[in-house]
Amino acid sequence: MTFIEFKKHLLDAEISLPKFSHLIKVSEKNIQSYKKKGVIPNPIAVVVVCFVEMKKAGLDYKTIVENLGLEAKTKKGAGFGKKSKETKSES
């Protein structure tokens, strides 16, 4: 799916990109990065198409997804503010 097709599906599902990313617990920045690539990953494409079909069927997909209790992934790393300290033992 192209990024343009993805955006059209968001309109059909009546959800904005920021709200979509918040709902599925994926950073908006991450989804925006697919704009440069031009292609949306399959799992995200499946989700947005399912949202459209659920909307057409009169289902409240937002409540259904919220009830899943999804958690956003967080990066675990040193970052800029932390440096790993290596102690050298002299033998």
C-alpha atoms as a PDB file:
ATOM      1  CA  MET A   1       0.000   0.000   0.000  1.00  0.00           C
ATOM      2  CA  THR A   2       1.321   3.432  -0.875  1.00  0.00           C
ATOM      3  CA  PHE A   3       1.380   6.244   1.659  1.00  0.00           C
ATOM      4  CA  ILE A   4      -1.231   8.106  -0.405  1.00  0.00           C
ATOM      5  CA  GLU A   5      -3.566   5.081  -0.323  1.00  0.00           C
ATOM      6  CA  PHE A   6      -2.969   4.843   3.422  1.00  0.00           C
ATOM      7  CA  LYS A   7      -3.989   8.485   3.908  1.00  0.00           C
ATOM      8  CA  LYS A   8      -7.180   7.892   1.856  1.00  0.00           C
ATOM      9  CA  HIS A   9      -8.052   4.928   4.071  1.00  0.00           C
ATOM     10  CA  LEU A  10      -7.574   7.101   7.144  1.00  0.00           C
ATOM     11  CA  LEU A  11     -10.129   9.515   5.696  1.00  0.00           C
ATOM     12  CA  ASP A  12     -12.528   6.632   5.020  1.00  0.00           C
ATOM     13  CA  ALA A  13     -12.092   5.447   8.611  1.00  0.00           C
ATOM     14  CA  GLU A  14     -12.662   9.026   9.794  1.00  0.00           C
ATOM     15  CA  ILE A  15      -9.472   9.178  11.836  1.00  0.00           C
ATOM     16  CA  SER A  16      -6.492  11.502  11.646  1.00  0.00           C
ATOM     17  CA  LEU A  17      -2.926  10.275  11.442  1.00  0.00           C
ATOM     18  CA  PRO A  18      -2.060  11.507  14.961  1.00  0.00           C
ATOM     19  CA  LYS A  19      -5.152   9.796  16.420  1.00  0.00           C
ATOM     20  CA  PHE A  20      -4.450   6.611  14.428  1.00  0.00           C
ATOM     21  CA  SER A  21      -0.877   6.440  15.674  1.00  0.00           C
ATOM     22  CA  HIS A  22      -1.984   7.076  19.252  1.00  0.00           C
ATOM     23  CA  LEU A  23      -4.700   4.421  19.006  1.00  0.00           C
ATOM     24  CA  ILE A  24      -2.376   1.684  17.745  1.00  0.00           C
ATOM     25  CA  LYS A  25       0.497   2.850  19.999  1.00  0.00           C
ATOM     26  CA  VAL A  26       2.969   3.535  17.196  1.00  0.00           C
ATOM     27  CA  SER A  27       4.731   6.885  17.125  1.00  0.00           C
ATOM     28  CA  GLU A  28       3.445   9.359  14.588  1.00  0.00           C
ATOM     29  CA  LYS A  29       7.054  10.058  13.612  1.00  0.00           C
ATOM     30  CA  ASN A  30       7.500   6.383  12.785  1.00  0.00           C
ATOM     31  CA  ILE A  31       4.436   6.352  10.531  1.00  0.00           C
ATOM     32  CA  GLN A  32       5.441   9.643   8.899  1.00  0.00           C
ATOM     33  CA  SER A  33       8.794   8.071   7.997  1.00  0.00           C
ATOM     34  CA  TYR A  34       6.949   5.751   5.609  1.00  0.00           C
ATOM     35  CA  LYS A  35       6.002   8.810   3.571  1.00  0.00           C
ATOM     36  CA  LYS A  36       9.615   9.054   2.358  1.00  0.00           C
ATOM     37  CA  LYS A  37       9.695   5.354   1.581  1.00  0.00           C
ATOM     38  CA  GLY A  38       6.346   5.643  -0.190  1.00  0.00           C
ATOM     39  CA  VAL A  39       5.127   2.290   1.126  1.00  0.00           C
ATOM     40  CA  ILE A  40       3.308   1.354   4.316  1.00  0.00           C
ATOM     41  CA  PRO A  41       4.280  -1.917   6.062  1.00  0.00           C
ATOM     42  CA  ASN A  42       1.775  -4.733   5.659  1.00  0.00           C
ATOM     43  CA  PRO A  43       0.627  -4.872   9.312  1.00  0.00           C
ATOM     44  CA  ILE A  44      -0.245  -1.172   9.359  1.00  0.00           C
ATOM     45  CA  ALA A  45      -1.975  -1.475   5.972  1.00  0.00           C
ATOM     46  CA  VAL A  46      -4.079  -4.355   7.306  1.00  0.00           C
ATOM     47  CA  VAL A  47      -5.037  -2.375  10.401  1.00  0.00           C
ATOM     48  CA  VAL A  48      -6.179   0.706   8.506  1.00  0.00           C
ATOM     49  CA  VAL A  49      -8.222  -1.344   6.004  1.00  0.00           C
ATOM     50  CA  CYS A  50      -9.847  -3.246   8.876  1.00  0.00           C
ATOM     51  CA  PHE A  51     -10.726   0.081  10.512  1.00  0.00           C
ATOM     52  CA  VAL A  52     -12.422   1.186   7.288  1.00  0.00           C
ATOM     53  CA  GLU A  53     -14.408  -2.047   7.019  1.00  0.00           C
ATOM     54  CA  MET A  54     -15.392  -1.910  10.691  1.00  0.00           C
ATOM     55  CA  LYS A  55     -16.553   1.682  10.244  1.00  0.00           C
ATOM     56  CA  LYS A  56     -18.657   0.644   7.219  1.00  0.00           C
ATOM     57  CA  ALA A  57     -20.190  -2.178   9.283  1.00  0.00           C
ATOM     58  CA  GLY A  58     -21.118   0.255  12.050  1.00  0.00           C
ATOM     59  CA  LEU A  59     -18.576  -1.094  14.536  1.00  0.00           C
ATOM     60  CA  ASP A  60     -16.772   1.215  16.947  1.00  0.00           C
ATOM     61  CA  TYR A  61     -13.210   0.170  16.180  1.00  0.00           C
ATOM     62  CA  LYS A  62     -11.751   2.816  18.496  1.00  0.00           C
ATOM     63  CA  THR A  63     -13.352   1.308  21.602  1.00  0.00           C
ATOM     64  CA  ILE A  64     -12.464  -2.212  20.475  1.00  0.00           C
ATOM     65  CA  VAL A  65      -8.781  -1.286  20.064  1.00  0.00           C
ATOM     66  CA  GLU A  66      -8.678   0.748  23.291  1.00  0.00           C
ATOM     67  CA  ASN A  67     -10.023  -2.278  25.191  1.00  0.00           C
ATOM     68  CA  LEU A  68      -6.995  -4.295  24.034  1.00  0.00           C
ATOM     69  CA  GLY A  69      -4.835  -2.340  26.460  1.00  0.00           C
ATOM     70  CA  LEU A  70      -1.985  -1.918  23.986  1.00  0.00           C
ATOM     71  CA  GLU A  71       1.237  -0.419  25.284  1.00  0.00           C
ATOM     72  CA  ALA A  72       3.639   1.731  23.326  1.00  0.00           C
ATOM     73  CA  LYS A  73       7.111   0.330  22.936  1.00  0.00           C
ATOM     74  CA  THR A  74       9.878   2.407  24.416  1.00  0.00           C
ATOM     75  CA  LYS A  75      13.441   2.517  23.270  1.00  0.00           C
ATOM     76  CA  LYS A  76      15.901   1.111  25.728  1.00  0.00           C
ATOM     77  CA  GLY A  77      19.281   2.595  25.162  1.00  0.00           C
ATOM     78  CA  ALA A  78      21.863   4.998  26.404  1.00  0.00           C
ATOM     79  CA  GLY A  79      20.669   8.036  24.488  1.00  0.00           C
ATOM     80  CA  PHE A  80      22.621  11.268  24.349  1.00  0.00           C
ATOM     81  CA  GLY A  81      22.563  12.048  28.038  1.00  0.00           C
ATOM     82  CA  LYS A  82      24.083   8.820  29.243  1.00  0.00           C
ATOM     83  CA  LYS A  83      27.425   7.271  28.534  1.00  0.00           C
ATOM     84  CA  SER A  84      28.345   3.744  29.386  1.00  0.00           C
ATOM     85  CA  LYS A  85      31.195   3.594  31.815  1.00  0.00           C
ATOM     86  CA  GLU A  86      33.762   0.969  31.248  1.00  0.00           C
ATOM     87  CA  THR A  87      36.191   0.336  34.013  1.00  0.00           C
ATOM     88  CA  LYS A  88      39.497  -1.051  32.957  1.00  0.00           C
ATOM     89  CA  SER A  89      41.231  -3.196  35.431  1.00  0.00           C
ATOM     90  CA  GLU A  90      44.949  -3.256  35.103  1.00  0.00           C
ATOM     91  CA  SER A  91      46.508  -6.611  35.681  1.00  0.00           C
END
